[in-house]
Amino acid sequence: MVKRYLKEEDAFIEQFGNFFESNGSVPRIAGRILAYLLICDPPYQNSKQLVERLNISKSSVSNMITLLTRAKLVKQMNFPGQRERYYYIEEKCFETLLLTQFDTVSNLRIILKEGKALLENKTPELSNRIGEMDKMYEFLEIEMPELLKKYQNFCKKHE
């Protein structure tokens, strides 16, 4: 029973890690750490526990925890009287991730405007390529705040 559960857990962890790697969000190992922190009991783990359970190196854990902490997906804590740090999934971290994407969209639009200015007097073929990209990101910039509101309302209904 325990072996089967661990096998299913391992499959979930791998699938989650591969998903995040393939869509370019975070490296596979960071995705695996995230997956495990989503399902582990207790909901916090130290570096040693992550190394042992995920069969990854201490340096990988250290580097990926730094990345996940900077992305505000993982938080760290200490227990009184212990030197060891424990890591857990930040509350509402995926909402924070969505907000980060809003900033990314807005920042890219600024860069795209500069690119469009460079191509102002060029052929339509040249300016259309960047124009299409800008149009898509303009749409996202307009729609994403409404999407966040809908998500927050959805969460309130499902509390």
N, C-alpha and C. Protein backbone atom coordinates (compact mmCIF):
# COMPACT_ATOMS: atom_id res chain seq x y z
N MET A 1 0.82 -1.20 0.00
CA MET A 1 0.00 0.00 0.00
C MET A 1 0.87 1.26 0.00
N VAL A 2 1.86 1.32 0.93
CA VAL A 2 2.74 2.48 1.01
C VAL A 2 3.56 2.62 -0.26
N LYS A 3 4.08 1.47 -0.75
CA LYS A 3 4.89 1.50 -1.98
C LYS A 3 4.08 2.03 -3.16
N ARG A 4 2.83 1.57 -3.28
CA ARG A 4 1.98 2.02 -4.39
C ARG A 4 1.72 3.52 -4.27
N TYR A 5 1.47 3.98 -3.04
CA TYR A 5 1.23 5.41 -2.82
C TYR A 5 2.46 6.21 -3.22
N LEU A 6 3.64 5.76 -2.81
CA LEU A 6 4.87 6.48 -3.15
C LEU A 6 5.11 6.48 -4.65
N LYS A 7 4.78 5.37 -5.31
CA LYS A 7 4.92 5.30 -6.76
C LYS A 7 4.01 6.33 -7.44
N GLU A 8 2.78 6.42 -6.98
CA GLU A 8 1.83 7.39 -7.53
C GLU A 8 2.28 8.82 -7.21
N GLU A 9 2.80 9.00 -6.00
CA GLU A 9 3.32 10.31 -5.60
C GLU A 9 4.51 10.69 -6.48
N ASP A 10 5.41 9.74 -6.69
CA ASP A 10 6.57 9.99 -7.56
C ASP A 10 6.13 10.37 -8.97
N ALA A 11 5.12 9.67 -9.48
CA ALA A 11 4.62 9.97 -10.83
C ALA A 11 4.06 11.39 -10.90
N PHE A 12 3.31 11.78 -9.87
CA PHE A 12 2.78 13.14 -9.82
C PHE A 12 3.91 14.16 -9.79
N ILE A 13 4.90 13.93 -8.94
CA ILE A 13 6.03 14.85 -8.79
C ILE A 13 6.76 15.01 -10.12
N GLU A 14 7.01 13.89 -10.79
CA GLU A 14 7.71 13.94 -12.09
C GLU A 14 6.87 14.67 -13.14
N GLN A 15 5.60 14.34 -13.18
CA GLN A 15 4.71 14.97 -14.17
C GLN A 15 4.65 16.48 -13.95
N PHE A 16 4.54 16.89 -12.71
CA PHE A 16 4.48 18.31 -12.36
C PHE A 16 5.79 19.00 -12.76
N GLY A 17 6.92 18.39 -12.42
CA GLY A 17 8.22 18.96 -12.78
C GLY A 17 8.40 19.09 -14.27
N ASN A 18 8.01 18.05 -15.01
CA ASN A 18 8.11 18.09 -16.47
C ASN A 18 7.21 19.15 -17.08
N PHE A 19 6.02 19.31 -16.51
CA PHE A 19 5.10 20.34 -17.01
C PHE A 19 5.72 21.72 -16.89
N PHE A 20 6.24 22.04 -15.71
CA PHE A 20 6.80 23.37 -15.50
C PHE A 20 8.04 23.60 -16.35
N GLU A 21 8.83 22.55 -16.54
CA GLU A 21 10.01 22.68 -17.40
C GLU A 21 9.59 22.91 -18.85
N SER A 22 8.61 22.16 -19.32
CA SER A 22 8.22 22.24 -20.74
C SER A 22 7.54 23.55 -21.09
N ASN A 23 6.88 24.20 -20.13
CA ASN A 23 6.27 25.48 -20.47
C ASN A 23 7.18 26.66 -20.14
N GLY A 24 8.40 26.36 -19.72
CA GLY A 24 9.40 27.41 -19.53
C GLY A 24 9.27 28.20 -18.25
N SER A 25 8.44 27.74 -17.32
CA SER A 25 8.24 28.49 -16.07
C SER A 25 9.45 28.40 -15.15
N VAL A 26 9.80 27.17 -14.80
CA VAL A 26 10.93 26.94 -13.90
C VAL A 26 11.62 25.64 -14.32
N PRO A 27 12.86 25.43 -13.89
CA PRO A 27 13.53 24.16 -14.19
C PRO A 27 12.76 22.97 -13.59
N ARG A 28 12.96 21.81 -14.16
CA ARG A 28 12.25 20.60 -13.74
C ARG A 28 12.41 20.33 -12.24
N ILE A 29 13.61 20.49 -11.72
CA ILE A 29 13.83 20.21 -10.29
C ILE A 29 13.04 21.17 -9.43
N ALA A 30 12.96 22.43 -9.82
CA ALA A 30 12.14 23.39 -9.07
C ALA A 30 10.68 22.97 -9.11
N GLY A 31 10.22 22.50 -10.26
CA GLY A 31 8.85 22.00 -10.38
C GLY A 31 8.61 20.79 -9.50
N ARG A 32 9.60 19.93 -9.40
CA ARG A 32 9.49 18.74 -8.54
C ARG A 32 9.41 19.15 -7.07
N ILE A 33 10.22 20.13 -6.68
CA ILE A 33 10.17 20.62 -5.29
C ILE A 33 8.79 21.21 -5.01
N LEU A 34 8.31 22.03 -5.93
CA LEU A 34 6.97 22.62 -5.77
C LEU A 34 5.91 21.53 -5.62
N ALA A 35 5.97 20.54 -6.49
CA ALA A 35 4.99 19.44 -6.44
C ALA A 35 5.00 18.76 -5.09
N TYR A 36 6.19 18.45 -4.59
CA TYR A 36 6.28 17.76 -3.31
C TYR A 36 5.76 18.64 -2.18
N LEU A 37 6.09 19.92 -2.21
CA LEU A 37 5.61 20.81 -1.16
C LEU A 37 4.09 20.99 -1.21
N LEU A 38 3.49 20.74 -2.36
CA LEU A 38 2.03 20.80 -2.47
C LEU A 38 1.36 19.60 -1.80
N ILE A 39 2.05 18.46 -1.74
CA ILE A 39 1.40 17.23 -1.27
C ILE A 39 1.99 16.64 0.01
N CYS A 40 3.10 17.18 0.50
CA CYS A 40 3.78 16.56 1.64
C CYS A 40 3.04 16.80 2.95
N ASP A 41 3.29 15.89 3.89
CA ASP A 41 2.73 16.01 5.23
C ASP A 41 3.84 15.69 6.22
N PRO A 42 4.27 16.64 7.02
CA PRO A 42 3.72 17.98 7.21
C PRO A 42 3.97 18.87 5.98
N PRO A 43 3.25 20.00 5.90
CA PRO A 43 3.33 20.85 4.71
C PRO A 43 4.61 21.67 4.59
N TYR A 44 5.57 21.42 5.44
CA TYR A 44 6.87 22.10 5.38
C TYR A 44 7.95 21.03 5.44
N GLN A 45 9.05 21.30 4.75
CA GLN A 45 10.16 20.34 4.69
C GLN A 45 11.47 21.10 4.76
N ASN A 46 12.50 20.46 5.31
CA ASN A 46 13.82 21.08 5.31
C ASN A 46 14.62 20.56 4.12
N SER A 47 15.79 21.12 3.92
CA SER A 47 16.62 20.73 2.77
C SER A 47 16.95 19.25 2.76
N LYS A 48 17.30 18.73 3.92
CA LYS A 48 17.65 17.31 4.02
C LYS A 48 16.48 16.43 3.59
N GLN A 49 15.29 16.77 4.03
CA GLN A 49 14.11 16.00 3.65
C GLN A 49 13.87 16.07 2.15
N LEU A 50 14.06 17.24 1.56
CA LEU A 50 13.87 17.39 0.11
C LEU A 50 14.91 16.58 -0.66
N VAL A 51 16.16 16.62 -0.20
CA VAL A 51 17.24 15.85 -0.84
C VAL A 51 16.89 14.36 -0.82
N GLU A 52 16.50 13.87 0.35
CA GLU A 52 16.23 12.44 0.50
C GLU A 52 14.99 12.00 -0.27
N ARG A 53 13.92 12.75 -0.14
CA ARG A 53 12.66 12.32 -0.77
C ARG A 53 12.70 12.44 -2.30
N LEU A 54 13.33 13.51 -2.80
CA LEU A 54 13.34 13.75 -4.24
C LEU A 54 14.58 13.20 -4.93
N ASN A 55 15.52 12.70 -4.12
CA ASN A 55 16.76 12.13 -4.65
C ASN A 55 17.50 13.13 -5.55
N ILE A 56 17.71 14.32 -4.99
CA ILE A 56 18.43 15.38 -5.69
C ILE A 56 19.54 15.90 -4.78
N SER A 57 20.49 16.61 -5.35
CA SER A 57 21.65 17.07 -4.58
C SER A 57 21.28 18.26 -3.69
N LYS A 58 22.11 18.45 -2.65
CA LYS A 58 21.93 19.59 -1.76
C LYS A 58 22.04 20.90 -2.52
N SER A 59 22.98 20.98 -3.45
CA SER A 59 23.14 22.23 -4.20
C SER A 59 21.93 22.49 -5.10
N SER A 60 21.34 21.45 -5.66
CA SER A 60 20.12 21.63 -6.46
C SER A 60 18.99 22.16 -5.60
N VAL A 61 18.83 21.58 -4.42
CA VAL A 61 17.79 22.06 -3.50
C VAL A 61 18.04 23.52 -3.17
N SER A 62 19.27 23.85 -2.82
CA SER A 62 19.61 25.22 -2.45
C SER A 62 19.32 26.20 -3.59
N ASN A 63 19.79 25.87 -4.78
CA ASN A 63 19.58 26.76 -5.93
C ASN A 63 18.10 26.90 -6.30
N MET A 64 17.38 25.80 -6.29
CA MET A 64 15.97 25.84 -6.69
C MET A 64 15.10 26.49 -5.62
N ILE A 65 15.45 26.30 -4.35
CA ILE A 65 14.71 26.98 -3.28
C ILE A 65 14.92 28.48 -3.39
N THR A 66 16.14 28.90 -3.71
CA THR A 66 16.40 30.33 -3.92
C THR A 66 15.53 30.87 -5.05
N LEU A 67 15.47 30.14 -6.15
CA LEU A 67 14.65 30.55 -7.29
C LEU A 67 13.17 30.62 -6.91
N LEU A 68 12.67 29.61 -6.23
CA LEU A 68 11.26 29.56 -5.85
C LEU A 68 10.91 30.62 -4.80
N THR A 69 11.87 30.93 -3.93
CA THR A 69 11.66 31.96 -2.93
C THR A 69 11.60 33.33 -3.59
N ARG A 70 12.50 33.59 -4.51
CA ARG A 70 12.49 34.87 -5.24
C ARG A 70 11.22 35.04 -6.06
N ALA A 71 10.69 33.93 -6.56
CA ALA A 71 9.45 33.97 -7.34
C ALA A 71 8.22 34.07 -6.43
N LYS A 72 8.46 34.06 -5.12
CA LYS A 72 7.40 34.15 -4.12
C LYS A 72 6.44 32.96 -4.18
N LEU A 73 6.97 31.82 -4.56
CA LEU A 73 6.18 30.59 -4.57
C LEU A 73 6.40 29.78 -3.29
N VAL A 74 7.59 29.93 -2.72
CA VAL A 74 7.96 29.18 -1.52
C VAL A 74 8.44 30.17 -0.47
N LYS A 75 8.09 29.88 0.77
CA LYS A 75 8.54 30.69 1.91
C LYS A 75 9.36 29.81 2.82
N GLN A 76 10.19 30.44 3.63
CA GLN A 76 10.97 29.67 4.60
C GLN A 76 10.63 30.10 6.01
N MET A 77 10.83 29.17 6.93
CA MET A 77 10.58 29.47 8.34
C MET A 77 11.54 28.66 9.19
N ASN A 78 11.68 29.09 10.42
CA ASN A 78 12.49 28.37 11.40
C ASN A 78 11.59 28.08 12.60
N PHE A 79 11.87 26.97 13.26
CA PHE A 79 11.20 26.67 14.51
C PHE A 79 12.10 27.14 15.65
N PRO A 80 11.52 27.66 16.72
CA PRO A 80 12.34 28.11 17.85
C PRO A 80 13.27 27.01 18.34
N GLY A 81 14.52 27.38 18.55
CA GLY A 81 15.51 26.43 19.04
C GLY A 81 16.14 25.55 17.97
N GLN A 82 15.73 25.71 16.72
CA GLN A 82 16.31 24.91 15.63
C GLN A 82 16.98 25.83 14.63
N ARG A 83 18.11 25.39 14.11
CA ARG A 83 18.82 26.19 13.11
C ARG A 83 18.33 25.88 11.70
N GLU A 84 17.78 24.70 11.53
CA GLU A 84 17.34 24.25 10.21
C GLU A 84 16.18 25.11 9.69
N ARG A 85 16.26 25.44 8.41
CA ARG A 85 15.17 26.17 7.75
C ARG A 85 14.21 25.16 7.14
N TYR A 86 12.94 25.51 7.20
CA TYR A 86 11.90 24.69 6.58
C TYR A 86 11.23 25.51 5.49
N TYR A 87 10.78 24.81 4.46
CA TYR A 87 10.19 25.48 3.30
C TYR A 87 8.77 25.00 3.10
N TYR A 88 7.92 25.93 2.68
CA TYR A 88 6.53 25.58 2.44
C TYR A 88 5.98 26.46 1.32
N ILE A 89 4.86 26.04 0.77
CA ILE A 89 4.21 26.80 -0.31
C ILE A 89 3.62 28.07 0.28
N GLU A 90 3.97 29.17 -0.33
CA GLU A 90 3.46 30.48 0.07
C GLU A 90 1.95 30.53 -0.16
N GLU A 91 1.22 31.04 0.81
CA GLU A 91 -0.23 31.19 0.65
C GLU A 91 -0.52 32.13 -0.53
N LYS A 92 -1.45 31.74 -1.34
CA LYS A 92 -1.86 32.49 -2.53
C LYS A 92 -0.70 32.72 -3.51
N CYS A 93 0.24 31.79 -3.52
CA CYS A 93 1.42 31.98 -4.36
C CYS A 93 1.08 31.98 -5.85
N PHE A 94 0.07 31.24 -6.23
CA PHE A 94 -0.24 31.19 -7.66
C PHE A 94 -0.97 32.46 -8.11
N GLU A 95 -1.67 33.09 -7.18
CA GLU A 95 -2.24 34.41 -7.46
C GLU A 95 -1.10 35.42 -7.63
N THR A 96 -0.09 35.32 -6.77
CA THR A 96 1.09 36.18 -6.88
C THR A 96 1.79 35.96 -8.21
N LEU A 97 1.87 34.71 -8.63
CA LEU A 97 2.49 34.38 -9.91
C LEU A 97 1.73 35.04 -11.06
N LEU A 98 0.41 35.03 -10.98
CA LEU A 98 -0.41 35.67 -12.00
C LEU A 98 -0.15 37.18 -12.02
N LEU A 99 -0.04 37.78 -10.84
CA LEU A 99 0.25 39.22 -10.77
C LEU A 99 1.61 39.54 -11.37
N THR A 100 2.57 38.66 -11.16
CA THR A 100 3.89 38.83 -11.76
C THR A 100 3.79 38.81 -13.28
N GLN A 101 2.92 37.95 -13.79
CA GLN A 101 2.71 37.89 -15.24
C GLN A 101 2.12 39.19 -15.77
N PHE A 102 1.28 39.85 -14.98
CA PHE A 102 0.74 41.15 -15.38
C PHE A 102 1.88 42.13 -15.63
N ASP A 103 2.82 42.17 -14.69
CA ASP A 103 3.97 43.06 -14.82
C ASP A 103 4.79 42.71 -16.05
N THR A 104 4.96 41.42 -16.29
CA THR A 104 5.73 40.97 -17.45
C THR A 104 5.08 41.46 -18.74
N VAL A 105 3.77 41.34 -18.82
CA VAL A 105 3.04 41.78 -20.02
C VAL A 105 3.22 43.28 -20.22
N SER A 106 3.05 44.05 -19.16
CA SER A 106 3.19 45.51 -19.26
C SER A 106 4.60 45.91 -19.65
N ASN A 107 5.58 45.26 -19.05
CA ASN A 107 6.98 45.58 -19.37
C ASN A 107 7.32 45.23 -20.81
N LEU A 108 6.81 44.11 -21.29
CA LEU A 108 7.06 43.73 -22.68
C LEU A 108 6.39 44.71 -23.64
N ARG A 109 5.23 45.21 -23.28
CA ARG A 109 4.55 46.18 -24.14
C ARG A 109 5.39 47.45 -24.30
N ILE A 110 6.06 47.87 -23.26
CA ILE A 110 6.94 49.05 -23.34
C ILE A 110 8.04 48.80 -24.36
N ILE A 111 8.65 47.61 -24.28
CA ILE A 111 9.72 47.26 -25.22
C ILE A 111 9.17 47.16 -26.64
N LEU A 112 7.99 46.56 -26.79
CA LEU A 112 7.39 46.43 -28.12
C LEU A 112 7.10 47.79 -28.75
N LYS A 113 6.69 48.76 -27.94
CA LYS A 113 6.44 50.11 -28.47
C LYS A 113 7.72 50.71 -29.04
N GLU A 114 8.83 50.47 -28.36
CA GLU A 114 10.12 50.95 -28.88
C GLU A 114 10.45 50.27 -30.20
N GLY A 115 10.18 48.97 -30.27
CA GLY A 115 10.42 48.24 -31.51
C GLY A 115 9.54 48.72 -32.64
N LYS A 116 8.28 49.02 -32.32
CA LYS A 116 7.36 49.53 -33.34
C LYS A 116 7.83 50.88 -33.86
N ALA A 117 8.37 51.71 -32.97
CA ALA A 117 8.88 53.02 -33.39
C ALA A 117 10.05 52.87 -34.35
N LEU A 118 10.88 51.86 -34.13
CA LEU A 118 12.00 51.59 -35.03
C LEU A 118 11.52 51.24 -36.44
N LEU A 119 10.37 50.62 -36.53
CA LEU A 119 9.87 50.12 -37.82
C LEU A 119 8.79 51.02 -38.43
N GLU A 120 8.64 52.20 -37.87
CA GLU A 120 7.57 53.10 -38.30
C GLU A 120 7.59 53.38 -39.80
N ASN A 121 8.74 53.60 -40.37
CA ASN A 121 8.84 53.94 -41.80
C ASN A 121 9.29 52.75 -42.66
N LYS A 122 9.12 51.56 -42.13
CA LYS A 122 9.53 50.35 -42.87
C LYS A 122 8.32 49.75 -43.58
N THR A 123 8.56 48.65 -44.27
CA THR A 123 7.49 47.99 -45.01
C THR A 123 6.45 47.40 -44.05
N PRO A 124 5.20 47.26 -44.51
CA PRO A 124 4.16 46.67 -43.66
C PRO A 124 4.51 45.27 -43.17
N GLU A 125 5.22 44.49 -43.99
CA GLU A 125 5.59 43.14 -43.58
C GLU A 125 6.43 43.17 -42.30
N LEU A 126 7.36 44.12 -42.25
CA LEU A 126 8.21 44.23 -41.05
C LEU A 126 7.40 44.72 -39.86
N SER A 127 6.63 45.76 -40.04
CA SER A 127 5.90 46.33 -38.91
C SER A 127 4.73 45.44 -38.46
N ASN A 128 4.19 44.63 -39.36
CA ASN A 128 3.07 43.75 -38.98
C ASN A 128 3.49 42.68 -37.98
N ARG A 129 4.70 42.16 -38.12
CA ARG A 129 5.14 41.11 -37.19
C ARG A 129 5.12 41.60 -35.76
N ILE A 130 5.74 42.74 -35.53
CA ILE A 130 5.79 43.27 -34.17
C ILE A 130 4.42 43.81 -33.75
N GLY A 131 3.67 44.30 -34.74
CA GLY A 131 2.33 44.80 -34.46
C GLY A 131 1.40 43.70 -33.95
N GLU A 132 1.49 42.51 -34.55
CA GLU A 132 0.68 41.37 -34.11
C GLU A 132 1.00 41.00 -32.67
N MET A 133 2.28 40.95 -32.37
CA MET A 133 2.69 40.60 -31.01
C MET A 133 2.20 41.66 -30.03
N ASP A 134 2.36 42.92 -30.39
CA ASP A 134 1.91 44.01 -29.52
C ASP A 134 0.40 43.95 -29.31
N LYS A 135 -0.33 43.64 -30.36
CA LYS A 135 -1.79 43.55 -30.27
C LYS A 135 -2.19 42.46 -29.26
N MET A 136 -1.53 41.32 -29.33
CA MET A 136 -1.84 40.24 -28.41
C MET A 136 -1.56 40.65 -26.97
N TYR A 137 -0.40 41.27 -26.74
CA TYR A 137 -0.04 41.67 -25.39
C TYR A 137 -0.89 42.84 -24.89
N GLU A 138 -1.34 43.68 -25.79
CA GLU A 138 -2.27 44.75 -25.40
C GLU A 138 -3.58 44.12 -24.91
N PHE A 139 -4.06 43.12 -25.64
CA PHE A 139 -5.27 42.40 -25.24
C PHE A 139 -5.09 41.80 -23.84
N LEU A 140 -3.96 41.13 -23.63
CA LEU A 140 -3.70 40.52 -22.32
C LEU A 140 -3.62 41.58 -21.23
N GLU A 141 -3.00 42.69 -21.52
CA GLU A 141 -2.87 43.77 -20.54
C GLU A 141 -4.25 44.30 -20.13
N ILE A 142 -5.16 44.35 -21.07
CA ILE A 142 -6.52 44.82 -20.79
C ILE A 142 -7.32 43.77 -20.03
N GLU A 143 -7.21 42.53 -20.43
CA GLU A 143 -8.07 41.46 -19.90
C GLU A 143 -7.57 40.83 -18.60
N MET A 144 -6.29 40.84 -18.34
CA MET A 144 -5.76 40.14 -17.17
C MET A 144 -6.30 40.68 -15.84
N PRO A 145 -6.42 41.99 -15.65
CA PRO A 145 -6.99 42.46 -14.37
C PRO A 145 -8.42 41.95 -14.14
N GLU A 146 -9.21 41.89 -15.20
CA GLU A 146 -10.57 41.37 -15.08
C GLU A 146 -10.54 39.87 -14.75
N LEU A 147 -9.62 39.18 -15.34
CA LEU A 147 -9.45 37.75 -15.05
C LEU A 147 -9.11 37.54 -13.58
N LEU A 148 -8.25 38.37 -13.03
CA LEU A 148 -7.89 38.27 -11.62
C LEU A 148 -9.12 38.51 -10.74
N LYS A 149 -9.92 39.52 -11.07
CA LYS A 149 -11.14 39.79 -10.30
C LYS A 149 -12.07 38.58 -10.34
N LYS A 150 -12.23 37.99 -11.50
CA LYS A 150 -13.08 36.81 -11.63
C LYS A 150 -12.55 35.67 -10.77
N TYR A 151 -11.24 35.50 -10.77
CA TYR A 151 -10.63 34.45 -9.97
C TYR A 151 -10.88 34.70 -8.48
N GLN A 152 -10.70 35.93 -8.04
CA GLN A 152 -10.91 36.26 -6.63
C GLN A 152 -12.37 36.04 -6.23
N ASN A 153 -13.30 36.39 -7.09
CA ASN A 153 -14.72 36.13 -6.82
C ASN A 153 -15.00 34.63 -6.77
N PHE A 154 -14.39 33.90 -7.67
CA PHE A 154 -14.52 32.45 -7.70
C PHE A 154 -14.04 31.86 -6.37
N CYS A 155 -12.90 32.34 -5.88
CA CYS A 155 -12.35 31.84 -4.61
C CYS A 155 -13.29 32.14 -3.45
N LYS A 156 -13.88 33.33 -3.44
CA LYS A 156 -14.81 33.69 -2.36
C LYS A 156 -16.01 32.75 -2.35
N LYS A 157 -16.51 32.40 -3.53
CA LYS A 157 -17.66 31.51 -3.62
C LYS A 157 -17.33 30.09 -3.17
N HIS A 158 -16.07 29.71 -3.28
CA HIS A 158 -15.67 28.34 -2.98
C HIS A 158 -14.90 28.20 -1.66
N GLU A 159 -15.06 29.16 -0.78
CA GLU A 159 -14.37 29.08 0.52
C GLU A 159 -15.08 28.14 1.45
